[in-house]
Amino acid sequence: MRSSIDYRYVAPNTEEFQRLQTFAASFDHCIAPAAHTNVYAHYRGDVLFGYSDHVFLPIVYPAFHPKFTNPRDVIQVMSDWKAHTQLSGKPGGIGVPLNNKTATGEDLPFSESVMNKLGLVRMNRELYLPT
């Protein structure tokens, strides 16, 4: 019979967190301490075999009608959301489509370079919801 899995919270800026970062790097992963994330190490007995980031933050998915929106409107909305999250102390994210093309093949205005110019960093994650 296999032993049960133990999920252990790992506080940021601790020796244990540093060990977990080294463990993650051993298989090309990176754990960065973040105010809106709890990290849990996965153990079976005394053997560390994985970890999970538990992210707690609102994610906004903006949508702009092309007939009524100009580029300045998009910049203003994105900047307002960024300022709100920074000033409130409640970090949040902005969700944009992974595919930067419309159904008709046109480029969407949310390329990685545009988002970087807005002061936003791509997290390189996809989100799957249970059905």
N, C-alpha and C. Protein backbone atom coordinates (compact mmCIF):
# COMPACT_ATOMS: atom_id res chain seq x y z
N MET A 1 0.84 -1.17 0.00
CA MET A 1 0.00 0.00 0.00
C MET A 1 0.89 1.25 0.00
N ARG A 2 0.57 2.21 -0.83
CA ARG A 2 1.36 3.42 -0.93
C ARG A 2 1.03 4.36 0.22
N SER A 3 2.06 5.12 0.66
CA SER A 3 1.80 6.11 1.70
C SER A 3 1.05 7.30 1.10
N SER A 4 0.36 8.01 1.96
CA SER A 4 -0.44 9.14 1.47
C SER A 4 0.46 10.32 1.10
N ILE A 5 -0.10 11.22 0.31
CA ILE A 5 0.61 12.43 -0.10
C ILE A 5 0.40 13.49 0.96
N ASP A 6 1.47 14.17 1.30
CA ASP A 6 1.44 15.24 2.29
C ASP A 6 1.71 16.55 1.56
N TYR A 7 0.81 17.53 1.73
CA TYR A 7 0.96 18.85 1.12
C TYR A 7 1.41 19.81 2.20
N ARG A 8 2.61 20.36 2.05
CA ARG A 8 3.18 21.23 3.09
C ARG A 8 3.33 22.66 2.55
N TYR A 9 2.73 23.61 3.25
CA TYR A 9 2.88 25.02 2.89
C TYR A 9 4.34 25.42 3.08
N VAL A 10 4.89 26.15 2.10
CA VAL A 10 6.27 26.62 2.17
C VAL A 10 6.24 28.15 2.14
N ALA A 11 6.63 28.75 3.26
CA ALA A 11 6.62 30.21 3.36
C ALA A 11 7.73 30.81 2.50
N PRO A 12 7.44 31.93 1.82
CA PRO A 12 8.48 32.57 1.01
C PRO A 12 9.61 33.11 1.89
N ASN A 13 10.76 33.29 1.26
CA ASN A 13 11.93 33.86 1.94
C ASN A 13 12.40 33.04 3.14
N THR A 14 12.23 31.72 3.01
CA THR A 14 12.74 30.82 4.05
C THR A 14 13.75 29.87 3.40
N GLU A 15 14.49 29.18 4.25
CA GLU A 15 15.45 28.19 3.75
C GLU A 15 14.72 27.08 2.99
N GLU A 16 13.57 26.67 3.51
CA GLU A 16 12.78 25.63 2.85
C GLU A 16 12.33 26.09 1.46
N PHE A 17 11.96 27.36 1.33
CA PHE A 17 11.55 27.92 0.04
C PHE A 17 12.73 27.87 -0.94
N GLN A 18 13.91 28.22 -0.47
CA GLN A 18 15.10 28.17 -1.32
C GLN A 18 15.40 26.75 -1.77
N ARG A 19 15.24 25.78 -0.88
CA ARG A 19 15.43 24.37 -1.27
C ARG A 19 14.40 23.96 -2.33
N LEU A 20 13.17 24.43 -2.16
CA LEU A 20 12.13 24.10 -3.14
C LEU A 20 12.44 24.76 -4.49
N GLN A 21 12.98 25.97 -4.48
CA GLN A 21 13.39 26.63 -5.73
C GLN A 21 14.48 25.82 -6.43
N THR A 22 15.43 25.32 -5.67
CA THR A 22 16.50 24.49 -6.24
C THR A 22 15.92 23.21 -6.82
N PHE A 23 14.99 22.60 -6.08
CA PHE A 23 14.32 21.39 -6.56
C PHE A 23 13.60 21.68 -7.88
N ALA A 24 12.86 22.78 -7.95
CA ALA A 24 12.12 23.14 -9.17
C ALA A 24 13.08 23.37 -10.33
N ALA A 25 14.20 24.02 -10.07
CA ALA A 25 15.18 24.28 -11.13
C ALA A 25 15.77 22.99 -11.68
N SER A 26 15.78 21.92 -10.87
CA SER A 26 16.35 20.64 -11.32
C SER A 26 15.54 20.01 -12.45
N PHE A 27 14.30 20.47 -12.63
CA PHE A 27 13.53 19.98 -13.78
C PHE A 27 12.94 21.16 -14.57
N ASP A 28 13.77 22.21 -14.72
CA ASP A 28 13.49 23.37 -15.57
C ASP A 28 12.23 24.13 -15.19
N HIS A 29 11.97 24.27 -13.89
CA HIS A 29 10.85 25.08 -13.41
C HIS A 29 11.41 26.20 -12.52
N CYS A 30 10.60 27.20 -12.31
CA CYS A 30 11.03 28.35 -11.51
C CYS A 30 9.90 28.75 -10.57
N ILE A 31 10.24 28.95 -9.30
CA ILE A 31 9.26 29.42 -8.32
C ILE A 31 9.72 30.80 -7.86
N ALA A 32 8.90 31.80 -8.11
CA ALA A 32 9.22 33.16 -7.66
C ALA A 32 8.25 33.53 -6.55
N PRO A 33 8.77 34.06 -5.44
CA PRO A 33 7.85 34.46 -4.37
C PRO A 33 6.95 35.58 -4.85
N ALA A 34 5.67 35.49 -4.56
CA ALA A 34 4.70 36.50 -4.96
C ALA A 34 3.67 36.68 -3.86
N ALA A 35 3.24 37.90 -3.66
CA ALA A 35 2.31 38.21 -2.58
C ALA A 35 0.97 37.49 -2.73
N HIS A 36 0.59 37.17 -3.95
CA HIS A 36 -0.72 36.58 -4.21
C HIS A 36 -0.67 35.08 -4.46
N THR A 37 0.43 34.43 -4.03
CA THR A 37 0.59 33.00 -4.29
C THR A 37 1.06 32.28 -3.04
N ASN A 38 0.42 31.15 -2.73
CA ASN A 38 0.91 30.23 -1.71
C ASN A 38 1.51 29.03 -2.42
N VAL A 39 2.64 28.56 -1.93
CA VAL A 39 3.32 27.42 -2.54
C VAL A 39 3.25 26.24 -1.57
N TYR A 40 2.89 25.08 -2.10
CA TYR A 40 2.82 23.85 -1.30
C TYR A 40 3.74 22.81 -1.92
N ALA A 41 4.60 22.22 -1.08
CA ALA A 41 5.47 21.13 -1.51
C ALA A 41 4.68 19.82 -1.38
N HIS A 42 4.90 18.90 -2.32
CA HIS A 42 4.22 17.61 -2.33
C HIS A 42 5.21 16.54 -1.89
N TYR A 43 4.90 15.86 -0.82
CA TYR A 43 5.75 14.79 -0.29
C TYR A 43 4.98 13.48 -0.25
N ARG A 44 5.68 12.39 -0.54
CA ARG A 44 5.18 11.04 -0.26
C ARG A 44 6.18 10.47 0.71
N GLY A 45 5.77 10.37 1.96
CA GLY A 45 6.73 10.02 3.01
C GLY A 45 7.68 11.20 3.19
N ASP A 46 8.98 10.91 3.09
CA ASP A 46 9.99 11.96 3.19
C ASP A 46 10.51 12.40 1.83
N VAL A 47 9.90 11.91 0.75
CA VAL A 47 10.40 12.21 -0.60
C VAL A 47 9.60 13.35 -1.22
N LEU A 48 10.30 14.44 -1.53
CA LEU A 48 9.69 15.58 -2.25
C LEU A 48 9.57 15.19 -3.71
N PHE A 49 8.34 15.26 -4.27
CA PHE A 49 8.18 14.89 -5.67
C PHE A 49 7.53 15.96 -6.52
N GLY A 50 7.09 17.06 -5.92
CA GLY A 50 6.47 18.12 -6.72
C GLY A 50 6.05 19.28 -5.84
N TYR A 51 5.39 20.23 -6.45
CA TYR A 51 4.88 21.39 -5.73
C TYR A 51 3.73 21.98 -6.52
N SER A 52 2.97 22.85 -5.89
CA SER A 52 1.91 23.56 -6.61
C SER A 52 1.84 25.00 -6.11
N ASP A 53 1.61 25.90 -7.04
CA ASP A 53 1.39 27.31 -6.73
C ASP A 53 -0.11 27.52 -6.63
N HIS A 54 -0.56 28.05 -5.52
CA HIS A 54 -1.98 28.34 -5.34
C HIS A 54 -2.14 29.85 -5.47
N VAL A 55 -2.67 30.28 -6.60
CA VAL A 55 -2.77 31.71 -6.91
C VAL A 55 -4.16 32.21 -6.53
N PHE A 56 -4.17 33.30 -5.77
CA PHE A 56 -5.43 33.90 -5.34
C PHE A 56 -5.46 35.34 -5.81
N LEU A 57 -6.03 35.57 -6.96
CA LEU A 57 -6.13 36.93 -7.45
C LEU A 57 -7.23 37.02 -8.49
N PRO A 58 -7.82 38.21 -8.61
CA PRO A 58 -8.82 38.37 -9.66
C PRO A 58 -8.14 38.50 -11.02
N ILE A 59 -8.77 37.95 -12.01
CA ILE A 59 -8.28 38.08 -13.38
C ILE A 59 -9.38 38.75 -14.19
N VAL A 60 -9.02 39.81 -14.89
CA VAL A 60 -9.96 40.56 -15.71
C VAL A 60 -9.73 40.18 -17.17
N TYR A 61 -10.79 39.90 -17.88
CA TYR A 61 -10.72 39.61 -19.30
C TYR A 61 -11.41 40.74 -20.04
N PRO A 62 -10.66 41.77 -20.47
CA PRO A 62 -11.30 42.90 -21.14
C PRO A 62 -11.73 42.55 -22.56
N ALA A 63 -12.78 43.18 -23.01
CA ALA A 63 -13.27 43.02 -24.37
C ALA A 63 -13.62 44.39 -24.91
N PHE A 64 -13.17 44.69 -26.11
CA PHE A 64 -13.36 46.01 -26.70
C PHE A 64 -13.99 45.87 -28.08
N HIS A 65 -15.11 46.56 -28.31
CA HIS A 65 -15.75 46.53 -29.62
C HIS A 65 -14.92 47.36 -30.59
N PRO A 66 -14.51 46.78 -31.71
CA PRO A 66 -13.62 47.50 -32.63
C PRO A 66 -14.22 48.76 -33.24
N LYS A 67 -15.55 48.84 -33.36
CA LYS A 67 -16.16 50.04 -33.95
C LYS A 67 -16.14 51.23 -33.00
N PHE A 68 -16.13 50.98 -31.71
CA PHE A 68 -16.28 52.06 -30.74
C PHE A 68 -15.04 52.30 -29.89
N THR A 69 -13.98 51.56 -30.14
CA THR A 69 -12.78 51.64 -29.31
C THR A 69 -11.61 52.13 -30.13
N ASN A 70 -10.86 53.05 -29.55
CA ASN A 70 -9.61 53.45 -30.19
C ASN A 70 -8.45 52.94 -29.33
N PRO A 71 -7.23 52.96 -29.85
CA PRO A 71 -6.10 52.43 -29.08
C PRO A 71 -5.93 53.10 -27.72
N ARG A 72 -6.20 54.39 -27.64
CA ARG A 72 -6.05 55.10 -26.36
C ARG A 72 -7.01 54.54 -25.31
N ASP A 73 -8.23 54.13 -25.72
CA ASP A 73 -9.18 53.53 -24.78
C ASP A 73 -8.62 52.25 -24.16
N VAL A 74 -8.00 51.43 -25.00
CA VAL A 74 -7.42 50.17 -24.53
C VAL A 74 -6.29 50.47 -23.54
N ILE A 75 -5.41 51.39 -23.90
CA ILE A 75 -4.30 51.76 -23.01
C ILE A 75 -4.84 52.27 -21.69
N GLN A 76 -5.90 53.12 -21.73
CA GLN A 76 -6.44 53.69 -20.50
C GLN A 76 -7.03 52.61 -19.60
N VAL A 77 -7.80 51.68 -20.17
CA VAL A 77 -8.42 50.62 -19.37
C VAL A 77 -7.34 49.73 -18.74
N MET A 78 -6.34 49.34 -19.53
CA MET A 78 -5.27 48.48 -19.02
C MET A 78 -4.49 49.22 -17.93
N SER A 79 -4.19 50.49 -18.15
CA SER A 79 -3.44 51.27 -17.16
C SER A 79 -4.25 51.47 -15.89
N ASP A 80 -5.56 51.70 -16.02
CA ASP A 80 -6.42 51.86 -14.84
C ASP A 80 -6.44 50.58 -14.01
N TRP A 81 -6.54 49.43 -14.66
CA TRP A 81 -6.56 48.17 -13.92
C TRP A 81 -5.23 47.94 -13.22
N LYS A 82 -4.14 48.22 -13.93
CA LYS A 82 -2.81 48.05 -13.33
C LYS A 82 -2.67 48.97 -12.11
N ALA A 83 -3.08 50.23 -12.24
CA ALA A 83 -2.99 51.17 -11.12
C ALA A 83 -3.87 50.72 -9.96
N HIS A 84 -5.07 50.24 -10.26
CA HIS A 84 -5.97 49.77 -9.20
C HIS A 84 -5.32 48.64 -8.39
N THR A 85 -4.73 47.68 -9.09
CA THR A 85 -4.13 46.54 -8.38
C THR A 85 -2.93 46.99 -7.57
N GLN A 86 -2.15 47.93 -8.09
CA GLN A 86 -0.97 48.39 -7.37
C GLN A 86 -1.35 49.23 -6.15
N LEU A 87 -2.34 50.10 -6.30
CA LEU A 87 -2.70 50.99 -5.20
C LEU A 87 -3.53 50.28 -4.12
N SER A 88 -4.32 49.28 -4.51
CA SER A 88 -5.16 48.60 -3.54
C SER A 88 -4.40 47.54 -2.75
N GLY A 89 -3.23 47.18 -3.23
CA GLY A 89 -2.47 46.12 -2.57
C GLY A 89 -3.07 44.75 -2.84
N LYS A 90 -3.99 44.68 -3.78
CA LYS A 90 -4.63 43.41 -4.15
C LYS A 90 -4.26 43.10 -5.59
N PRO A 91 -3.19 42.34 -5.79
CA PRO A 91 -2.73 42.10 -7.15
C PRO A 91 -3.78 41.38 -7.99
N GLY A 92 -3.73 41.63 -9.26
CA GLY A 92 -4.65 40.99 -10.19
C GLY A 92 -3.99 40.82 -11.53
N GLY A 93 -4.65 40.13 -12.41
CA GLY A 93 -4.10 39.88 -13.74
C GLY A 93 -5.08 40.28 -14.82
N ILE A 94 -4.57 40.33 -16.03
CA ILE A 94 -5.39 40.62 -17.20
C ILE A 94 -5.29 39.42 -18.12
N GLY A 95 -6.41 38.84 -18.45
CA GLY A 95 -6.44 37.69 -19.34
C GLY A 95 -6.68 38.12 -20.77
N VAL A 96 -5.88 37.61 -21.68
CA VAL A 96 -6.06 37.85 -23.11
C VAL A 96 -5.96 36.52 -23.84
N PRO A 97 -6.51 36.42 -25.04
CA PRO A 97 -6.46 35.15 -25.77
C PRO A 97 -5.02 34.69 -26.03
N LEU A 98 -4.80 33.39 -25.96
CA LEU A 98 -3.48 32.84 -26.28
C LEU A 98 -3.19 32.98 -27.77
N ASN A 99 -4.22 32.81 -28.58
CA ASN A 99 -4.09 32.97 -30.03
C ASN A 99 -4.30 34.44 -30.34
N ASN A 100 -3.29 35.11 -30.88
CA ASN A 100 -3.39 36.54 -31.15
C ASN A 100 -4.01 36.84 -32.51
N LYS A 101 -4.92 35.99 -32.96
CA LYS A 101 -5.62 36.19 -34.23
C LYS A 101 -7.13 36.13 -33.99
N THR A 102 -7.87 36.91 -34.76
CA THR A 102 -9.33 36.83 -34.70
C THR A 102 -9.78 35.63 -35.51
N ALA A 103 -11.08 35.35 -35.48
CA ALA A 103 -11.63 34.23 -36.25
C ALA A 103 -11.39 34.43 -37.74
N THR A 104 -11.28 35.69 -38.20
CA THR A 104 -11.05 35.98 -39.62
C THR A 104 -9.57 36.08 -39.96
N GLY A 105 -8.68 35.84 -38.97
CA GLY A 105 -7.26 35.84 -39.24
C GLY A 105 -6.55 37.17 -39.00
N GLU A 106 -7.27 38.18 -38.55
CA GLU A 106 -6.64 39.47 -38.27
C GLU A 106 -5.90 39.42 -36.94
N ASP A 107 -4.84 40.24 -36.83
CA ASP A 107 -4.09 40.31 -35.59
C ASP A 107 -4.92 41.00 -34.51
N LEU A 108 -4.88 40.44 -33.30
CA LEU A 108 -5.50 41.09 -32.14
C LEU A 108 -4.52 42.11 -31.57
N PRO A 109 -5.03 43.11 -30.85
CA PRO A 109 -4.14 44.14 -30.31
C PRO A 109 -3.42 43.72 -29.03
N PHE A 110 -3.41 42.44 -28.69
CA PHE A 110 -2.85 42.00 -27.42
C PHE A 110 -1.60 41.15 -27.60
N SER A 111 -0.71 41.55 -28.49
CA SER A 111 0.52 40.79 -28.65
C SER A 111 1.37 40.95 -27.40
N GLU A 112 2.34 40.06 -27.24
CA GLU A 112 3.19 40.12 -26.05
C GLU A 112 3.95 41.44 -26.00
N SER A 113 4.41 41.94 -27.15
CA SER A 113 5.17 43.21 -27.14
C SER A 113 4.28 44.38 -26.71
N VAL A 114 3.02 44.39 -27.14
CA VAL A 114 2.09 45.46 -26.72
C VAL A 114 1.85 45.37 -25.21
N MET A 115 1.62 44.16 -24.70
CA MET A 115 1.37 43.99 -23.27
C MET A 115 2.60 44.41 -22.46
N ASN A 116 3.79 44.10 -22.95
CA ASN A 116 5.01 44.51 -22.26
C ASN A 116 5.13 46.04 -22.22
N LYS A 117 4.75 46.70 -23.30
CA LYS A 117 4.79 48.17 -23.33
C LYS A 117 3.81 48.76 -22.31
N LEU A 118 2.75 48.02 -22.00
CA LEU A 118 1.77 48.47 -21.01
C LEU A 118 2.24 48.16 -19.58
N GLY A 119 3.42 47.56 -19.46
CA GLY A 119 3.95 47.23 -18.14
C GLY A 119 3.41 45.93 -17.59
N LEU A 120 2.98 45.03 -18.47
CA LEU A 120 2.41 43.74 -18.06
C LEU A 120 3.32 42.62 -18.58
N VAL A 121 3.46 41.57 -17.78
CA VAL A 121 4.35 40.47 -18.11
C VAL A 121 3.53 39.22 -18.34
N ARG A 122 3.82 38.50 -19.41
CA ARG A 122 3.12 37.25 -19.72
C ARG A 122 3.53 36.18 -18.73
N MET A 123 2.57 35.48 -18.18
CA MET A 123 2.84 34.46 -17.18
C MET A 123 3.11 33.08 -17.79
N ASN A 124 2.90 32.92 -19.09
CA ASN A 124 3.13 31.65 -19.78
C ASN A 124 2.37 30.50 -19.13
N ARG A 125 1.12 30.73 -18.84
CA ARG A 125 0.27 29.71 -18.24
C ARG A 125 -1.06 29.66 -18.99
N GLU A 126 -1.64 28.49 -19.03
CA GLU A 126 -3.01 28.34 -19.50
C GLU A 126 -3.85 27.96 -18.31
N LEU A 127 -5.11 28.29 -18.34
CA LEU A 127 -6.00 28.01 -17.23
C LEU A 127 -7.04 26.99 -17.70
N TYR A 128 -7.16 25.91 -16.97
CA TYR A 128 -8.17 24.89 -17.24
C TYR A 128 -9.16 24.86 -16.09
N LEU A 129 -10.42 24.84 -16.39
CA LEU A 129 -11.46 24.80 -15.38
C LEU A 129 -12.10 23.42 -15.36
N PRO A 130 -12.46 22.92 -14.17
CA PRO A 130 -13.15 21.63 -14.13
C PRO A 130 -14.54 21.74 -14.76
N THR A 131 -14.94 20.69 -15.42
CA THR A 131 -16.27 20.70 -16.06
C THR A 131 -17.27 19.91 -15.26
